[in-house]
C-alpha cells in the first residue's frame, strides 16, 4: 500500500511540476519583463537587467549598462503606452551559472500624445541571464525585428 501511495505521489508531482516550481533563468526574467511592460512600469522593466547588461534593440544604439538600459526604456515608455506584450515560441536552456533563451515577441504601443497611429514591433529575441543579488536578470538582451512582421 505504501508503494502504491508513493508511486501516485511521484506521478502527481511530475505531472504538476511545471506549476509547482517557479520559472528560472531567462524564463523567469521574461515573465517579469512582460508583467512590467504590461504595467508600463519603468523601474520594473529596468529591474530585469544586470548592472552590466547589454541590450540590442532594432534600429537603436546598443545600450550598455543599467543607466543606458533605463534611458532607452524611459524614452519608449515616456512616449508610448504598452497595450500588449507577448512572448512566444520560446526555448530555454540552463548553461551552468547562466541561462539562455530565445523566441519571438510582439509589443503593441500607442502614443501618449494621442496623435499618430498605434504601432506593433514584432520580432525575435535571444537572451543570456545570470543571477545577480539572488535573482535572475538579463545580461544580454538582443532583439531583432521580424522581416516578415505585419505592420498595422
C-alpha atoms as a PDB file:
ATOM      1  CA  UNK A   1       0.000   0.000   0.000  1.00  0.00           C
ATOM      2  CA  UNK A   2       2.812   2.398   0.865  1.00  0.00           C
ATOM      3  CA  UNK A   3       4.473   1.693  -2.504  1.00  0.00           C
ATOM      4  CA  UNK A   4       1.264   2.441  -4.414  1.00  0.00           C
ATOM      5  CA  UNK A   5       0.840   5.708  -2.476  1.00  0.00           C
ATOM      6  CA  UNK A   6       4.483   6.680  -3.127  1.00  0.00           C
ATOM      7  CA  UNK A   7       4.108   5.975  -6.861  1.00  0.00           C
ATOM      8  CA  UNK A   8       0.889   8.034  -7.021  1.00  0.00           C
ATOM      9  CA  UNK A   9       2.524  10.958  -5.237  1.00  0.00           C
ATOM     10  CA  UNK A  10       5.574  10.798  -7.516  1.00  0.00           C
ATOM     11  CA  UNK A  11       3.418  10.768 -10.651  1.00  0.00           C
ATOM     12  CA  UNK A  12       1.321  13.671  -9.338  1.00  0.00           C
ATOM     13  CA  UNK A  13       4.474  15.655  -8.582  1.00  0.00           C
ATOM     14  CA  UNK A  14       5.876  15.020 -12.053  1.00  0.00           C
ATOM     15  CA  UNK A  15       2.607  15.993 -13.739  1.00  0.00           C
ATOM     16  CA  UNK A  16       2.285  19.225 -11.782  1.00  0.00           C
ATOM     17  CA  UNK A  17       5.965  20.148 -11.559  1.00  0.00           C
ATOM     18  CA  UNK A  18       5.557  22.898 -14.150  1.00  0.00           C
ATOM     19  CA  UNK A  19       3.208  24.748 -11.847  1.00  0.00           C
ATOM     20  CA  UNK A  20       4.857  23.783  -8.541  1.00  0.00           C
ATOM     21  CA  UNK A  21       8.319  25.093  -9.275  1.00  0.00           C
ATOM     22  CA  UNK A  22       8.954  28.724 -10.139  1.00  0.00           C
ATOM     23  CA  UNK A  23      10.436  29.577 -13.504  1.00  0.00           C
ATOM     24  CA  UNK A  24      14.183  30.102 -13.527  1.00  0.00           C
ATOM     25  CA  UNK A  25      16.746  31.655 -15.801  1.00  0.00           C
ATOM     26  CA  UNK A  26      15.639  33.589 -18.849  1.00  0.00           C
ATOM     27  CA  UNK A  27      12.089  32.281 -18.488  1.00  0.00           C
ATOM     28  CA  UNK A  28      11.775  33.952 -15.061  1.00  0.00           C
ATOM     29  CA  UNK A  29      13.149  37.222 -16.429  1.00  0.00           C
ATOM     30  CA  UNK A  30      10.873  37.046 -19.475  1.00  0.00           C
ATOM     31  CA  UNK A  31       7.851  36.701 -17.180  1.00  0.00           C
ATOM     32  CA  UNK A  32       8.952  39.664 -15.034  1.00  0.00           C
ATOM     33  CA  UNK A  33       9.709  41.781 -18.138  1.00  0.00           C
ATOM     34  CA  UNK A  34       6.324  41.012 -19.689  1.00  0.00           C
ATOM     35  CA  UNK A  35       4.489  41.857 -16.453  1.00  0.00           C
ATOM     36  CA  UNK A  36       6.386  45.156 -16.059  1.00  0.00           C
ATOM     37  CA  UNK A  37       5.859  46.133 -19.705  1.00  0.00           C
ATOM     38  CA  UNK A  38       2.111  45.496 -19.489  1.00  0.00           C
ATOM     39  CA  UNK A  39       2.040  47.672 -16.347  1.00  0.00           C
ATOM     40  CA  UNK A  40       4.103  50.349 -18.121  1.00  0.00           C
ATOM     41  CA  UNK A  41       6.406  50.131 -15.085  1.00  0.00           C
ATOM     42  CA  UNK A  42       9.801  51.611 -15.986  1.00  0.00           C
ATOM     43  CA  UNK A  43      11.554  50.569 -12.774  1.00  0.00           C
ATOM     44  CA  UNK A  44      10.042  47.087 -13.005  1.00  0.00           C
ATOM     45  CA  UNK A  45      11.435  46.692 -16.516  1.00  0.00           C
ATOM     46  CA  UNK A  46      14.859  48.039 -15.513  1.00  0.00           C
ATOM     47  CA  UNK A  47      14.933  45.598 -12.579  1.00  0.00           C
ATOM     48  CA  UNK A  48      15.038  42.796 -15.168  1.00  0.00           C
ATOM     49  CA  UNK A  49      18.560  43.814 -16.224  1.00  0.00           C
ATOM     50  CA  UNK A  50      22.007  43.242 -14.714  1.00  0.00           C
ATOM     51  CA  UNK A  51      24.139  46.216 -13.727  1.00  0.00           C
ATOM     52  CA  UNK A  52      26.455  45.442 -16.660  1.00  0.00           C
ATOM     53  CA  UNK A  53      23.701  44.431 -19.108  1.00  0.00           C
ATOM     54  CA  UNK A  54      23.972  44.902 -22.849  1.00  0.00           C
ATOM     55  CA  UNK A  55      20.739  45.472 -24.776  1.00  0.00           C
ATOM     56  CA  UNK A  56      20.404  45.459 -28.547  1.00  0.00           C
ATOM     57  CA  UNK A  57      17.150  46.975 -29.811  1.00  0.00           C
ATOM     58  CA  UNK A  58      16.192  47.115 -33.511  1.00  0.00           C
ATOM     59  CA  UNK A  59      17.111  50.459 -35.066  1.00  0.00           C
ATOM     60  CA  UNK A  60      18.648  51.851 -31.863  1.00  0.00           C
ATOM     61  CA  UNK A  61      22.140  52.252 -30.469  1.00  0.00           C
ATOM     62  CA  UNK A  62      23.428  49.500 -28.199  1.00  0.00           C
ATOM     63  CA  UNK A  63      22.528  50.159 -24.554  1.00  0.00           C
ATOM     64  CA  UNK A  64      25.479  49.195 -22.361  1.00  0.00           C
ATOM     65  CA  UNK A  65      24.955  49.260 -18.616  1.00  0.00           C
ATOM     66  CA  UNK A  66      21.905  49.830 -16.476  1.00  0.00           C
ATOM     67  CA  UNK A  67      21.805  53.613 -16.983  1.00  0.00           C
ATOM     68  CA  UNK A  68      21.675  53.180 -20.763  1.00  0.00           C
ATOM     69  CA  UNK A  69      19.001  50.475 -20.472  1.00  0.00           C
ATOM     70  CA  UNK A  70      16.933  52.770 -18.222  1.00  0.00           C
ATOM     71  CA  UNK A  71      17.306  55.655 -20.682  1.00  0.00           C
ATOM     72  CA  UNK A  72      16.175  53.511 -23.632  1.00  0.00           C
ATOM     73  CA  UNK A  73      13.071  52.270 -21.820  1.00  0.00           C
ATOM     74  CA  UNK A  74      12.333  55.730 -20.354  1.00  0.00           C
ATOM     75  CA  UNK A  75      12.202  57.127 -23.880  1.00  0.00           C
ATOM     76  CA  UNK A  76       9.975  54.289 -25.098  1.00  0.00           C
ATOM     77  CA  UNK A  77       7.591  54.290 -22.137  1.00  0.00           C
ATOM     78  CA  UNK A  78       7.628  58.079 -21.825  1.00  0.00           C
ATOM     79  CA  UNK A  79       6.268  58.451 -25.337  1.00  0.00           C
ATOM     80  CA  UNK A  80       4.068  55.349 -25.512  1.00  0.00           C
ATOM     81  CA  UNK A  81       1.652  53.222 -23.549  1.00  0.00           C
ATOM     82  CA  UNK A  82       2.204  49.495 -23.962  1.00  0.00           C
ATOM     83  CA  UNK A  83      -1.116  47.843 -24.762  1.00  0.00           C
ATOM     84  CA  UNK A  84       0.163  44.297 -25.354  1.00  0.00           C
ATOM     85  CA  UNK A  85       3.401  42.394 -24.804  1.00  0.00           C
ATOM     86  CA  UNK A  86       3.637  38.772 -25.813  1.00  0.00           C
ATOM     87  CA  UNK A  87       6.465  36.269 -25.826  1.00  0.00           C
ATOM     88  CA  UNK A  88       6.004  33.074 -27.819  1.00  0.00           C
ATOM     89  CA  UNK A  89       7.762  30.128 -29.424  1.00  0.00           C
ATOM     90  CA  UNK A  90      10.203  30.195 -26.518  1.00  0.00           C
ATOM     91  CA  UNK A  91      13.132  27.902 -25.837  1.00  0.00           C
ATOM     92  CA  UNK A  92      15.081  27.904 -22.588  1.00  0.00           C
ATOM     93  CA  UNK A  93      18.361  26.220 -21.739  1.00  0.00           C
ATOM     94  CA  UNK A  94      20.333  26.297 -18.493  1.00  0.00           C
ATOM     95  CA  UNK A  95      24.084  26.732 -19.002  1.00  0.00           C
ATOM     96  CA  UNK A  96      25.846  26.448 -15.654  1.00  0.00           C
ATOM     97  CA  UNK A  97      25.850  29.850 -13.940  1.00  0.00           C
ATOM     98  CA  UNK A  98      23.972  31.305 -16.885  1.00  0.00           C
ATOM     99  CA  UNK A  99      20.765  30.576 -18.751  1.00  0.00           C
ATOM    100  CA  UNK A 100      19.921  31.005 -22.422  1.00  0.00           C
ATOM    101  CA  UNK A 101      16.613  31.816 -24.018  1.00  0.00           C
ATOM    102  CA  UNK A 102      15.242  32.635 -27.442  1.00  0.00           C
ATOM    103  CA  UNK A 103      11.901  33.041 -29.125  1.00  0.00           C
ATOM    104  CA  UNK A 104       9.576  35.610 -30.615  1.00  0.00           C
ATOM    105  CA  UNK A 105       7.971  38.752 -29.217  1.00  0.00           C
ATOM    106  CA  UNK A 106       5.261  41.236 -30.091  1.00  0.00           C
ATOM    107  CA  UNK A 107       5.000  44.650 -28.491  1.00  0.00           C
ATOM    108  CA  UNK A 108       1.994  46.877 -29.203  1.00  0.00           C
ATOM    109  CA  UNK A 109       2.094  50.538 -28.212  1.00  0.00           C
ATOM    110  CA  UNK A 110       0.002  53.648 -28.668  1.00  0.00           C
ATOM    111  CA  UNK A 111       1.409  57.183 -28.479  1.00  0.00           C
ATOM    112  CA  UNK A 112       0.685  59.030 -25.234  1.00  0.00           C
ATOM    113  CA  UNK A 113       0.368  62.264 -27.206  1.00  0.00           C
ATOM    114  CA  UNK A 114      -2.850  60.998 -28.734  1.00  0.00           C
ATOM    115  CA  UNK A 115      -1.505  61.791 -32.187  1.00  0.00           C
ATOM    116  CA  UNK A 116      -0.184  59.174 -34.515  1.00  0.00           C
ATOM    117  CA  UNK A 117      -1.058  55.570 -35.036  1.00  0.00           C
ATOM    118  CA  UNK A 118      -0.557  52.672 -32.669  1.00  0.00           C
ATOM    119  CA  UNK A 119       2.488  50.606 -33.568  1.00  0.00           C
ATOM    120  CA  UNK A 120       3.463  46.976 -33.363  1.00  0.00           C
ATOM    121  CA  UNK A 121       7.018  45.726 -33.066  1.00  0.00           C
ATOM    122  CA  UNK A 122       7.339  42.033 -33.774  1.00  0.00           C
ATOM    123  CA  UNK A 123      10.500  40.042 -33.921  1.00  0.00           C
ATOM    124  CA  UNK A 124      12.873  37.521 -32.473  1.00  0.00           C
ATOM    125  CA  UNK A 125      14.938  37.645 -29.316  1.00  0.00           C
ATOM    126  CA  UNK A 126      17.853  35.861 -27.758  1.00  0.00           C
ATOM    127  CA  UNK A 127      18.958  36.438 -24.193  1.00  0.00           C
ATOM    128  CA  UNK A 128      21.533  35.366 -21.647  1.00  0.00           C
ATOM    129  CA  UNK A 129      20.634  35.642 -17.976  1.00  0.00           C
ATOM    130  CA  UNK A 130      22.671  35.388 -14.796  1.00  0.00           C
ATOM    131  CA  UNK A 131      21.921  35.592 -11.108  1.00  0.00           C
ATOM    132  CA  UNK A 132      22.614  38.957  -9.531  1.00  0.00           C
ATOM    133  CA  UNK A 133      21.596  39.702  -5.964  1.00  0.00           C
ATOM    134  CA  UNK A 134      19.880  36.322  -5.748  1.00  0.00           C
ATOM    135  CA  UNK A 135      17.582  36.793  -8.762  1.00  0.00           C
ATOM    136  CA  UNK A 136      17.826  36.112 -12.467  1.00  0.00           C
ATOM    137  CA  UNK A 137      18.419  39.158 -14.692  1.00  0.00           C
ATOM    138  CA  UNK A 138      19.214  39.746 -18.348  1.00  0.00           C
ATOM    139  CA  UNK A 139      22.925  40.033 -19.010  1.00  0.00           C
ATOM    140  CA  UNK A 140      22.455  40.174 -22.790  1.00  0.00           C
ATOM    141  CA  UNK A 141      19.135  41.038 -24.426  1.00  0.00           C
ATOM    142  CA  UNK A 142      19.181  41.002 -28.220  1.00  0.00           C
ATOM    143  CA  UNK A 143      16.039  41.723 -30.203  1.00  0.00           C
ATOM    144  CA  UNK A 144      15.681  41.838 -33.966  1.00  0.00           C
ATOM    145  CA  UNK A 145      12.639  42.941 -35.881  1.00  0.00           C
ATOM    146  CA  UNK A 146      10.997  40.243 -37.952  1.00  0.00           C
ATOM    147  CA  UNK A 147      11.417  40.927 -41.635  1.00  0.00           C
ATOM    148  CA  UNK A 148       8.004  39.444 -42.315  1.00  0.00           C
ATOM    149  CA  UNK A 149       6.271  41.285 -39.453  1.00  0.00           C
ATOM    150  CA  UNK A 150       2.900  42.739 -40.378  1.00  0.00           C
ATOM    151  CA  UNK A 151       2.551  46.435 -39.683  1.00  0.00           C
ATOM    152  CA  UNK A 152      -0.826  47.752 -38.504  1.00  0.00           C
END
